[in-house]
């Protein structure tokens, strides 16, 4: 960069700082929630910051008060359980036939569940259908779900 380029860059930085502009640090900050954080410790009042689709920071209440964010939501009195993933949930029957809200998972802070480990009810092909028939019959789901469109399978 030439001397002139460095001068322009420095001037732009000074002007940005003088005008109060600063880059947005987070897309979303949840402020003052009761954080349950999978450590096994008791909940605590805290703030949670999200960047894109990822949790960027979990901090004590007030720690993100000056952090720049596109959106800030006061969640005082609500529980915030950032990102529990149940990698072997065994809950596909409840999801497909029972209470699809999965209350037992949500109340424990599970926000994502991986299902279909080893066997699945839908969709099936000729090979997997022969393996899934006993399980499907046991759960009263039936066999033959060959395709899924949106949330309906058959």
Protein backbone atom coordinates (compact mmCIF):
# COMPACT_ATOMS: atom_id res chain seq x y z
CA UNK A 1 0.00 0.00 0.00
CA UNK A 2 1.33 3.45 -0.84
CA UNK A 3 1.64 6.32 1.61
CA UNK A 4 -1.51 7.86 0.14
CA UNK A 5 -3.43 4.56 0.57
CA UNK A 6 -2.34 4.25 4.18
CA UNK A 7 -3.45 7.84 4.82
CA UNK A 8 -6.89 7.19 3.31
CA UNK A 9 -7.32 3.98 5.32
CA UNK A 10 -6.32 5.77 8.52
CA UNK A 11 -8.69 8.67 7.79
CA UNK A 12 -11.57 6.25 7.14
CA UNK A 13 -10.88 4.44 10.40
CA UNK A 14 -10.78 7.70 12.37
CA UNK A 15 -14.01 8.94 10.77
CA UNK A 16 -15.77 5.64 11.46
CA UNK A 17 -14.69 5.80 15.08
CA UNK A 18 -15.70 9.44 15.43
CA UNK A 19 -19.15 8.81 13.98
CA UNK A 20 -19.83 6.01 16.47
CA UNK A 21 -19.87 3.33 13.78
CA UNK A 22 -18.64 -0.06 14.79
CA UNK A 23 -19.08 -3.41 13.16
CA UNK A 24 -22.00 -5.52 14.31
CA UNK A 25 -20.51 -8.12 16.59
CA UNK A 26 -23.52 -10.45 16.89
CA UNK A 27 -26.73 -11.12 15.00
CA UNK A 28 -28.74 -11.70 18.17
CA UNK A 29 -28.21 -11.13 21.88
CA UNK A 30 -30.61 -12.64 24.43
CA UNK A 31 -30.35 -10.55 27.59
CA UNK A 32 -31.00 -11.54 31.19
CA UNK A 33 -32.33 -15.09 30.79
CA UNK A 34 -32.05 -17.98 33.19
CA UNK A 35 -29.26 -19.89 31.45
CA UNK A 36 -29.11 -23.68 31.72
CA UNK A 37 -25.82 -24.62 30.10
CA UNK A 38 -25.29 -28.42 30.13
CA UNK A 39 -22.43 -28.20 32.65
CA UNK A 40 -24.57 -29.71 35.41
CA UNK A 41 -24.31 -26.53 37.46
CA UNK A 42 -27.37 -24.64 38.62
CA UNK A 43 -28.91 -22.13 36.21
CA UNK A 44 -27.65 -18.55 36.30
CA UNK A 45 -28.86 -15.20 35.00
CA UNK A 46 -26.96 -14.54 31.81
CA UNK A 47 -26.77 -13.30 28.25
CA UNK A 48 -26.42 -15.43 25.12
CA UNK A 49 -25.03 -14.12 21.82
CA UNK A 50 -25.63 -15.69 18.42
CA UNK A 51 -23.63 -15.11 15.24
CA UNK A 52 -25.15 -16.66 12.13
CA UNK A 53 -26.57 -20.01 13.21
CA UNK A 54 -24.06 -20.59 16.02
CA UNK A 55 -23.97 -19.66 19.65
CA UNK A 56 -21.04 -17.28 19.88
CA UNK A 57 -20.93 -16.51 23.60
CA UNK A 58 -22.63 -17.36 26.89
CA UNK A 59 -21.86 -14.78 29.57
CA UNK A 60 -23.03 -13.58 32.99
CA UNK A 61 -25.98 -11.15 32.97
CA UNK A 62 -24.96 -7.71 31.78
CA UNK A 63 -21.70 -8.83 30.21
CA UNK A 64 -23.10 -8.28 26.70
CA UNK A 65 -24.84 -4.99 27.54
CA UNK A 66 -22.56 -2.98 25.26
CA UNK A 67 -22.00 -5.62 22.58
CA UNK A 68 -23.31 -4.53 19.21
CA UNK A 69 -26.07 -6.70 17.79
CA UNK A 70 -28.55 -6.56 14.93
CA UNK A 71 -31.29 -7.63 17.35
CA UNK A 72 -31.49 -7.68 21.13
CA UNK A 73 -34.25 -9.46 23.06
CA UNK A 74 -34.86 -9.12 26.78
CA UNK A 75 -35.66 -12.63 28.04
CA UNK A 76 -35.82 -11.94 31.77
CA UNK A 77 -37.73 -14.67 33.58
CA UNK A 78 -37.39 -17.12 30.66
CA UNK A 79 -35.08 -20.13 30.47
CA UNK A 80 -32.41 -20.06 27.77
CA UNK A 81 -30.85 -23.44 27.06
CA UNK A 82 -28.28 -22.87 24.34
CA UNK A 83 -27.75 -25.74 21.97
CA UNK A 84 -28.14 -29.16 23.55
CA UNK A 85 -27.87 -31.86 20.89
CA UNK A 86 -29.09 -35.37 21.67
CA UNK A 87 -27.10 -37.54 19.26
CA UNK A 88 -28.88 -40.81 20.02
CA UNK A 89 -32.31 -39.80 21.20
CA UNK A 90 -34.38 -42.88 20.41
CA UNK A 91 -37.44 -40.63 20.23
CA UNK A 92 -38.64 -41.17 16.68
CA UNK A 93 -41.83 -42.91 17.78
CA UNK A 94 -42.77 -40.00 20.02
CA UNK A 95 -41.97 -37.55 17.24
CA UNK A 96 -43.93 -39.43 14.58
CA UNK A 97 -46.86 -40.79 16.59
CA UNK A 98 -46.90 -39.07 19.94
CA UNK A 99 -46.64 -35.53 21.09
CA UNK A 100 -44.51 -33.96 18.34
CA UNK A 101 -43.62 -31.03 20.60
CA UNK A 102 -41.14 -33.31 22.39
CA UNK A 103 -41.83 -31.60 25.72
CA UNK A 104 -39.60 -33.97 27.68
CA UNK A 105 -36.64 -32.99 25.49
CA UNK A 106 -37.31 -29.26 25.36
CA UNK A 107 -37.73 -28.97 29.13
CA UNK A 108 -34.25 -30.51 29.49
CA UNK A 109 -32.77 -28.03 27.00
CA UNK A 110 -32.49 -30.36 23.99
CA UNK A 111 -32.89 -28.23 20.85
CA UNK A 112 -31.68 -30.74 18.24
CA UNK A 113 -32.14 -34.49 18.08
CA UNK A 114 -30.54 -36.92 15.66
CA UNK A 115 -32.92 -39.78 14.89
CA UNK A 116 -32.87 -42.88 12.71
CA UNK A 117 -29.75 -44.44 14.15
CA UNK A 118 -29.54 -47.87 12.58
CA UNK A 119 -33.17 -48.20 11.52
CA UNK A 120 -35.83 -45.76 10.40
CA UNK A 121 -39.55 -45.86 9.69
CA UNK A 122 -39.51 -43.53 6.70
CA UNK A 123 -38.67 -43.20 3.98
CA UNK A 124 -37.88 -46.81 3.06
CA UNK A 125 -36.70 -48.70 0.00
CA UNK A 126 -36.99 -52.45 -0.72
CA UNK A 127 -33.95 -53.34 1.40
CA UNK A 128 -34.69 -51.13 4.39
CA UNK A 129 -38.40 -51.95 4.37
CA UNK A 130 -37.72 -55.60 5.15
CA UNK A 131 -35.61 -54.50 8.12
CA UNK A 132 -38.05 -51.91 9.40
CA UNK A 133 -41.30 -53.93 9.20
CA UNK A 134 -41.01 -55.51 12.69
CA UNK A 135 -40.18 -52.18 14.30
CA UNK A 136 -42.86 -50.34 12.34
CA UNK A 137 -45.46 -52.96 13.31
CA UNK A 138 -44.46 -52.65 16.96
CA UNK A 139 -44.95 -48.90 16.88
CA UNK A 140 -48.14 -49.05 14.79
CA UNK A 141 -46.55 -46.85 12.14
CA UNK A 142 -47.04 -49.38 9.39
CA UNK A 143 -44.61 -50.01 6.56
CA UNK A 144 -44.29 -48.61 3.09
CA UNK A 145 -43.44 -44.97 3.62
CA UNK A 146 -41.37 -44.52 0.47
CA UNK A 147 -41.23 -40.75 0.17
CA UNK A 148 -41.59 -37.63 2.28
CA UNK A 149 -42.95 -34.28 1.22
CA UNK A 150 -42.56 -31.55 3.75
CA UNK A 151 -43.82 -33.16 6.97
CA UNK A 152 -46.13 -35.79 5.51
CA UNK A 153 -44.76 -39.20 4.58
CA UNK A 154 -46.39 -42.04 2.65
